[in-house]
Amino acid sequence: APIDPTPVHHVLNDLEMNRMKELGHAFVAAMG
């Protein structure tokens, strides 16, 4: 699928979105 963050919000619940954000922050901090 095209990379568009909007559809992800429709697929994931709040807990899953929070975990995705946590992963994103962890990886970005380490890969910075």
All heavy atoms as atom14 arrays in JSON, in Angstrom:
{
  "sequence": "APIDPTPVHHVLNDLEMNRMKELGHAFVAAMG",
  "atom14_mask": [
    [1, 1, 1, 1, 1, 0, 0, 0, 0, 0, 0, 0, 0, 0],
    [1, 1, 1, 1, 1, 1, 1, 0, 0, 0, 0, 0, 0, 0],
    [1, 1, 1, 1, 1, 1, 1, 1, 0, 0, 0, 0, 0, 0],
    [1, 1, 1, 1, 1, 1, 1, 1, 0, 0, 0, 0, 0, 0],
    [1, 1, 1, 1, 1, 1, 1, 0, 0, 0, 0, 0, 0, 0],
    [1, 1, 1, 1, 1, 1, 1, 0, 0, 0, 0, 0, 0, 0],
    [1, 1, 1, 1, 1, 1, 1, 0, 0, 0, 0, 0, 0, 0],
    [1, 1, 1, 1, 1, 1, 1, 0, 0, 0, 0, 0, 0, 0],
    [1, 1, 1, 1, 1, 1, 1, 1, 1, 1, 0, 0, 0, 0],
    [1, 1, 1, 1, 1, 1, 1, 1, 1, 1, 0, 0, 0, 0],
    [1, 1, 1, 1, 1, 1, 1, 0, 0, 0, 0, 0, 0, 0],
    [1, 1, 1, 1, 1, 1, 1, 1, 0, 0, 0, 0, 0, 0],
    [1, 1, 1, 1, 1, 1, 1, 1, 0, 0, 0, 0, 0, 0],
    [1, 1, 1, 1, 1, 1, 1, 1, 0, 0, 0, 0, 0, 0],
    [1, 1, 1, 1, 1, 1, 1, 1, 0, 0, 0, 0, 0, 0],
    [1, 1, 1, 1, 1, 1, 1, 1, 1, 0, 0, 0, 0, 0],
    [1, 1, 1, 1, 1, 1, 1, 1, 0, 0, 0, 0, 0, 0],
    [1, 1, 1, 1, 1, 1, 1, 1, 0, 0, 0, 0, 0, 0],
    [1, 1, 1, 1, 1, 1, 1, 1, 1, 1, 1, 0, 0, 0],
    [1, 1, 1, 1, 1, 1, 1, 1, 0, 0, 0, 0, 0, 0],
    [1, 1, 1, 1, 1, 1, 1, 1, 1, 0, 0, 0, 0, 0],
    [1, 1, 1, 1, 1, 1, 1, 1, 1, 0, 0, 0, 0, 0],
    [1, 1, 1, 1, 1, 1, 1, 1, 0, 0, 0, 0, 0, 0],
    [1, 1, 1, 1, 0, 0, 0, 0, 0, 0, 0, 0, 0, 0],
    [1, 1, 1, 1, 1, 1, 1, 1, 1, 1, 0, 0, 0, 0],
    [1, 1, 1, 1, 1, 0, 0, 0, 0, 0, 0, 0, 0, 0],
    [1, 1, 1, 1, 1, 1, 1, 1, 1, 1, 1, 0, 0, 0],
    [1, 1, 1, 1, 1, 1, 1, 0, 0, 0, 0, 0, 0, 0],
    [1, 1, 1, 1, 1, 0, 0, 0, 0, 0, 0, 0, 0, 0],
    [1, 1, 1, 1, 1, 0, 0, 0, 0, 0, 0, 0, 0, 0],
    [1, 1, 1, 1, 1, 1, 1, 1, 0, 0, 0, 0, 0, 0],
    [1, 1, 1, 1, 0, 0, 0, 0, 0, 0, 0, 0, 0, 0]
  ],
  "atom14_positions": [
    [[0.85, -1.2, 0.0], [0.0, 0.0, 0.0], [0.88, 1.24, 0.0], [2.02, 1.21, 0.44], [-0.89, -0.01, 1.24], [0.0, 0.0, 0.0], [0.0, 0.0, 0.0], [0.0, 0.0, 0.0], [0.0, 0.0, 0.0], [0.0, 0.0, 0.0], [0.0, 0.0, 0.0], [0.0, 0.0, 0.0], [0.0, 0.0, 0.0], [0.0, 0.0, 0.0]],
    [[0.32, 2.36, -0.48], [1.08, 3.61, -0.41], [1.38, 3.97, 1.04], [0.6, 3.66, 1.93], [0.15, 4.65, -1.03], [-1.04, 3.93, -1.52], [-0.98, 2.52, -1.05], [0.0, 0.0, 0.0], [0.0, 0.0, 0.0], [0.0, 0.0, 0.0], [0.0, 0.0, 0.0], [0.0, 0.0, 0.0], [0.0, 0.0, 0.0], [0.0, 0.0, 0.0]],
    [[2.53, 4.59, 1.27], [2.91, 4.96, 2.63], [2.15, 6.23, 2.99], [2.49, 7.33, 2.57], [4.43, 5.17, 2.75], [5.14, 3.88, 2.39], [4.8, 5.64, 4.15], [6.64, 3.98, 2.35], [0.0, 0.0, 0.0], [0.0, 0.0, 0.0], [0.0, 0.0, 0.0], [0.0, 0.0, 0.0], [0.0, 0.0, 0.0], [0.0, 0.0, 0.0]],
    [[1.08, 6.03, 3.77], [0.23, 7.12, 4.21], [-0.2, 6.8, 5.63], [-0.82, 5.77, 5.87], [-0.99, 7.21, 3.28], [-1.96, 8.3, 3.69], [-1.62, 9.09, 4.6], [-3.04, 8.36, 3.1], [0.0, 0.0, 0.0], [0.0, 0.0, 0.0], [0.0, 0.0, 0.0], [0.0, 0.0, 0.0], [0.0, 0.0, 0.0], [0.0, 0.0, 0.0]],
    [[0.13, 7.65, 6.61], [-0.17, 7.31, 8.0], [-1.67, 7.29, 8.32], [-2.08, 6.68, 9.29], [0.53, 8.41, 8.79], [0.73, 9.53, 7.84], [0.81, 8.91, 6.46], [0.0, 0.0, 0.0], [0.0, 0.0, 0.0], [0.0, 0.0, 0.0], [0.0, 0.0, 0.0], [0.0, 0.0, 0.0], [0.0, 0.0, 0.0], [0.0, 0.0, 0.0]],
    [[-2.51, 7.9, 7.53], [-3.94, 7.96, 7.83], [-4.59, 6.58, 7.92], [-5.29, 6.31, 8.88], [-4.67, 8.84, 6.8], [-3.99, 10.08, 6.72], [-6.1, 9.05, 7.2], [0.0, 0.0, 0.0], [0.0, 0.0, 0.0], [0.0, 0.0, 0.0], [0.0, 0.0, 0.0], [0.0, 0.0, 0.0], [0.0, 0.0, 0.0], [0.0, 0.0, 0.0]],
    [[-4.38, 5.66, 6.96], [-5.05, 4.36, 7.08], [-4.66, 3.58, 8.32], [-5.46, 2.83, 8.83], [-4.62, 3.61, 5.82], [-4.18, 4.65, 4.86], [-3.68, 5.79, 5.7], [0.0, 0.0, 0.0], [0.0, 0.0, 0.0], [0.0, 0.0, 0.0], [0.0, 0.0, 0.0], [0.0, 0.0, 0.0], [0.0, 0.0, 0.0], [0.0, 0.0, 0.0]],
    [[-3.44, 3.76, 8.82], [-3.0, 3.03, 10.0], [-3.9, 3.34, 11.19], [-4.24, 2.48, 11.98], [-1.52, 3.35, 10.33], [-1.1, 2.72, 11.65], [-0.63, 2.88, 9.21], [0.0, 0.0, 0.0], [0.0, 0.0, 0.0], [0.0, 0.0, 0.0], [0.0, 0.0, 0.0], [0.0, 0.0, 0.0], [0.0, 0.0, 0.0], [0.0, 0.0, 0.0]],
    [[-4.35, 4.59, 11.31], [-5.2, 4.98, 12.42], [-6.53, 4.23, 12.39], [-7.15, 4.01, 13.42], [-5.46, 6.49, 12.41], [-4.21, 7.28, 12.65], [-3.59, 7.34, 13.88], [-3.46, 8.03, 11.82], [-2.52, 8.1, 13.79], [-2.42, 8.54, 12.55], [0.0, 0.0, 0.0], [0.0, 0.0, 0.0], [0.0, 0.0, 0.0], [0.0, 0.0, 0.0]],
    [[-6.98, 3.85, 11.21], [-8.24, 3.12, 11.08], [-8.07, 1.64, 11.39], [-9.04, 0.96, 11.69], [-8.81, 3.28, 9.67], [-9.13, 4.7, 9.33], [-10.07, 5.44, 9.99], [-8.59, 5.53, 8.39], [-10.12, 6.66, 9.48], [-9.23, 6.74, 8.51], [0.0, 0.0, 0.0], [0.0, 0.0, 0.0], [0.0, 0.0, 0.0], [0.0, 0.0, 0.0]],
    [[-6.86, 1.13, 11.31], [-6.6, -0.29, 11.5], [-6.21, -0.61, 12.94], [-6.58, -1.64, 13.46], [-5.49, -0.75, 10.53], [-5.14, -2.2, 10.76], [-5.91, -0.51, 9.09], [0.0, 0.0, 0.0], [0.0, 0.0, 0.0], [0.0, 0.0, 0.0], [0.0, 0.0, 0.0], [0.0, 0.0, 0.0], [0.0, 0.0, 0.0], [0.0, 0.0, 0.0]],
    [[-5.46, 0.27, 13.59], [-4.94, 0.01, 14.92], [-5.78, 0.69, 16.0], [-6.25, 1.8, 15.81], [-3.49, 0.51, 15.02], [-2.5, -0.07, 14.02], [-1.13, 0.57, 14.21], [-2.41, -1.58, 14.14], [0.0, 0.0, 0.0], [0.0, 0.0, 0.0], [0.0, 0.0, 0.0], [0.0, 0.0, 0.0], [0.0, 0.0, 0.0], [0.0, 0.0, 0.0]],
    [[-5.89, 0.03, 17.16], [-6.58, 0.65, 18.29], [-5.58, 1.55, 19.02], [-4.4, 1.63, 18.67], [-7.21, -0.4, 19.2], [-6.19, -1.31, 19.85], [-5.08, -0.89, 20.2], [-6.55, -2.59, 20.01], [0.0, 0.0, 0.0], [0.0, 0.0, 0.0], [0.0, 0.0, 0.0], [0.0, 0.0, 0.0], [0.0, 0.0, 0.0], [0.0, 0.0, 0.0]],
    [[-6.05, 2.22, 20.09], [-5.2, 3.18, 20.8], [-3.96, 2.53, 21.41], [-2.87, 3.09, 21.35], [-6.01, 3.89, 21.9], [-7.02, 4.87, 21.34], [-6.86, 5.29, 20.16], [-7.95, 5.24, 22.07], [0.0, 0.0, 0.0], [0.0, 0.0, 0.0], [0.0, 0.0, 0.0], [0.0, 0.0, 0.0], [0.0, 0.0, 0.0], [0.0, 0.0, 0.0]],
    [[-4.13, 1.35, 22.02], [-3.0, 0.65, 22.62], [-1.95, 0.31, 21.55], [-0.75, 0.53, 21.75], [-3.46, -0.63, 23.33], [-2.36, -1.5, 23.92], [-1.57, -0.75, 25.0], [-2.94, -2.79, 24.5], [0.0, 0.0, 0.0], [0.0, 0.0, 0.0], [0.0, 0.0, 0.0], [0.0, 0.0, 0.0], [0.0, 0.0, 0.0], [0.0, 0.0, 0.0]],
    [[-2.41, -0.19, 20.41], [-1.49, -0.54, 19.33], [-0.8, 0.71, 18.77], [0.41, 0.68, 18.48], [-2.25, -1.27, 18.22], [-2.75, -2.63, 18.66], [-3.77, -3.24, 17.71], [-4.48, -2.48, 17.01], [-3.87, -4.48, 17.68], [0.0, 0.0, 0.0], [0.0, 0.0, 0.0], [0.0, 0.0, 0.0], [0.0, 0.0, 0.0], [0.0, 0.0, 0.0]],
    [[-1.54, 1.8, 18.64], [-0.93, 3.04, 18.15], [0.13, 3.54, 19.13], [1.21, 4.0, 18.71], [-1.99, 4.13, 17.94], [-2.8, 3.96, 16.67], [-1.79, 3.92, 15.16], [-1.04, 5.53, 15.18], [0.0, 0.0, 0.0], [0.0, 0.0, 0.0], [0.0, 0.0, 0.0], [0.0, 0.0, 0.0], [0.0, 0.0, 0.0], [0.0, 0.0, 0.0]],
    [[-0.16, 3.44, 20.43], [0.83, 3.86, 21.43], [2.08, 3.0, 21.36], [3.2, 3.49, 21.5], [0.23, 3.83, 22.83], [-0.75, 4.96, 23.05], [-0.67, 6.0, 22.4], [-1.69, 4.76, 23.96], [0.0, 0.0, 0.0], [0.0, 0.0, 0.0], [0.0, 0.0, 0.0], [0.0, 0.0, 0.0], [0.0, 0.0, 0.0], [0.0, 0.0, 0.0]],
    [[1.91, 1.71, 21.16], [3.07, 0.83, 21.04], [3.87, 1.14, 19.77], [5.09, 1.09, 19.77], [2.64, -0.63, 21.07], [2.19, -1.02, 22.47], [2.24, -2.47, 22.7], [1.94, -2.76, 24.09], [1.39, -3.87, 24.49], [1.08, -4.81, 23.62], [1.15, -4.07, 25.76], [0.0, 0.0, 0.0], [0.0, 0.0, 0.0], [0.0, 0.0, 0.0]],
    [[3.17, 1.46, 18.68], [3.87, 1.84, 17.44], [4.68, 3.12, 17.67], [5.82, 3.23, 17.22], [2.87, 2.05, 16.29], [2.29, 0.78, 15.74], [3.52, -0.28, 14.94], [3.98, 0.75, 13.56], [0.0, 0.0, 0.0], [0.0, 0.0, 0.0], [0.0, 0.0, 0.0], [0.0, 0.0, 0.0], [0.0, 0.0, 0.0], [0.0, 0.0, 0.0]],
    [[4.1, 4.08, 18.38], [4.82, 5.32, 18.68], [6.03, 5.03, 19.56], [7.11, 5.6, 19.34], [3.89, 6.32, 19.38], [2.86, 6.92, 18.46], [1.92, 7.84, 19.22], [0.8, 8.31, 18.31], [-0.2, 9.1, 19.05], [0.0, 0.0, 0.0], [0.0, 0.0, 0.0], [0.0, 0.0, 0.0], [0.0, 0.0, 0.0], [0.0, 0.0, 0.0]],
    [[5.86, 4.15, 20.56], [6.97, 3.78, 21.43], [8.11, 3.17, 20.62], [9.28, 3.53, 20.8], [6.49, 2.78, 22.5], [7.6, 2.3, 23.41], [7.16, 1.16, 24.33], [5.97, 0.78, 24.33], [8.04, 0.64, 25.02], [0.0, 0.0, 0.0], [0.0, 0.0, 0.0], [0.0, 0.0, 0.0], [0.0, 0.0, 0.0], [0.0, 0.0, 0.0]],
    [[7.77, 2.26, 19.72], [8.8, 1.64, 18.87], [9.48, 2.68, 18.0], [10.7, 2.69, 17.86], [8.19, 0.56, 17.97], [7.71, -0.71, 18.66], [7.08, -1.64, 17.63], [8.85, -1.39, 19.37], [0.0, 0.0, 0.0], [0.0, 0.0, 0.0], [0.0, 0.0, 0.0], [0.0, 0.0, 0.0], [0.0, 0.0, 0.0], [0.0, 0.0, 0.0]],
    [[8.68, 3.55, 17.41], [9.24, 4.61, 16.56], [10.22, 5.48, 17.32], [11.32, 5.76, 16.84], [0.0, 0.0, 0.0], [0.0, 0.0, 0.0], [0.0, 0.0, 0.0], [0.0, 0.0, 0.0], [0.0, 0.0, 0.0], [0.0, 0.0, 0.0], [0.0, 0.0, 0.0], [0.0, 0.0, 0.0], [0.0, 0.0, 0.0], [0.0, 0.0, 0.0]],
    [[9.84, 5.89, 18.54], [10.73, 6.73, 19.36], [12.0, 5.98, 19.75], [13.09, 6.54, 19.72], [10.0, 7.23, 20.61], [8.92, 8.22, 20.33], [9.14, 9.41, 19.67], [7.6, 8.18, 20.61], [8.01, 10.06, 19.55], [7.04, 9.33, 20.11], [0.0, 0.0, 0.0], [0.0, 0.0, 0.0], [0.0, 0.0, 0.0], [0.0, 0.0, 0.0]],
    [[11.84, 4.71, 20.12], [13.02, 3.91, 20.52], [13.99, 3.77, 19.36], [15.19, 3.96, 19.52], [12.57, 2.54, 21.03], [0.0, 0.0, 0.0], [0.0, 0.0, 0.0], [0.0, 0.0, 0.0], [0.0, 0.0, 0.0], [0.0, 0.0, 0.0], [0.0, 0.0, 0.0], [0.0, 0.0, 0.0], [0.0, 0.0, 0.0], [0.0, 0.0, 0.0]],
    [[13.47, 3.44, 18.17], [14.35, 3.24, 17.02], [14.95, 4.55, 16.54], [16.12, 4.6, 16.2], [13.61, 2.54, 15.88], [13.51, 1.06, 16.06], [12.35, 0.49, 16.57], [14.56, 0.22, 15.75], [12.25, -0.88, 16.75], [14.48, -1.15, 15.92], [13.32, -1.7, 16.43], [0.0, 0.0, 0.0], [0.0, 0.0, 0.0], [0.0, 0.0, 0.0]],
    [[14.17, 5.61, 16.53], [14.69, 6.9, 16.08], [15.79, 7.38, 17.01], [16.83, 7.85, 16.56], [13.55, 7.95, 15.98], [14.1, 9.35, 15.84], [12.66, 7.63, 14.8], [0.0, 0.0, 0.0], [0.0, 0.0, 0.0], [0.0, 0.0, 0.0], [0.0, 0.0, 0.0], [0.0, 0.0, 0.0], [0.0, 0.0, 0.0], [0.0, 0.0, 0.0]],
    [[15.58, 7.24, 18.32], [16.61, 7.68, 19.28], [17.9, 6.91, 19.09], [18.99, 7.48, 19.1], [16.09, 7.51, 20.71], [0.0, 0.0, 0.0], [0.0, 0.0, 0.0], [0.0, 0.0, 0.0], [0.0, 0.0, 0.0], [0.0, 0.0, 0.0], [0.0, 0.0, 0.0], [0.0, 0.0, 0.0], [0.0, 0.0, 0.0], [0.0, 0.0, 0.0]],
    [[17.79, 5.61, 18.86], [19.0, 4.79, 18.7], [19.64, 4.99, 17.35], [20.86, 4.91, 17.22], [18.65, 3.31, 18.9], [0.0, 0.0, 0.0], [0.0, 0.0, 0.0], [0.0, 0.0, 0.0], [0.0, 0.0, 0.0], [0.0, 0.0, 0.0], [0.0, 0.0, 0.0], [0.0, 0.0, 0.0], [0.0, 0.0, 0.0], [0.0, 0.0, 0.0]],
    [[18.85, 5.25, 16.33], [19.39, 5.39, 14.98], [19.75, 6.83, 14.64], [20.28, 7.1, 13.58], [18.39, 4.88, 13.94], [18.05, 3.42, 14.09], [19.53, 2.4, 14.05], [18.94, 0.93, 14.83], [0.0, 0.0, 0.0], [0.0, 0.0, 0.0], [0.0, 0.0, 0.0], [0.0, 0.0, 0.0], [0.0, 0.0, 0.0], [0.0, 0.0, 0.0]],
    [[19.48, 7.76, 15.56], [19.79, 9.16, 15.3], [21.27, 9.41, 15.11], [21.68, 10.29, 14.38], [0.0, 0.0, 0.0], [0.0, 0.0, 0.0], [0.0, 0.0, 0.0], [0.0, 0.0, 0.0], [0.0, 0.0, 0.0], [0.0, 0.0, 0.0], [0.0, 0.0, 0.0], [0.0, 0.0, 0.0], [0.0, 0.0, 0.0], [0.0, 0.0, 0.0]]
  ]
}
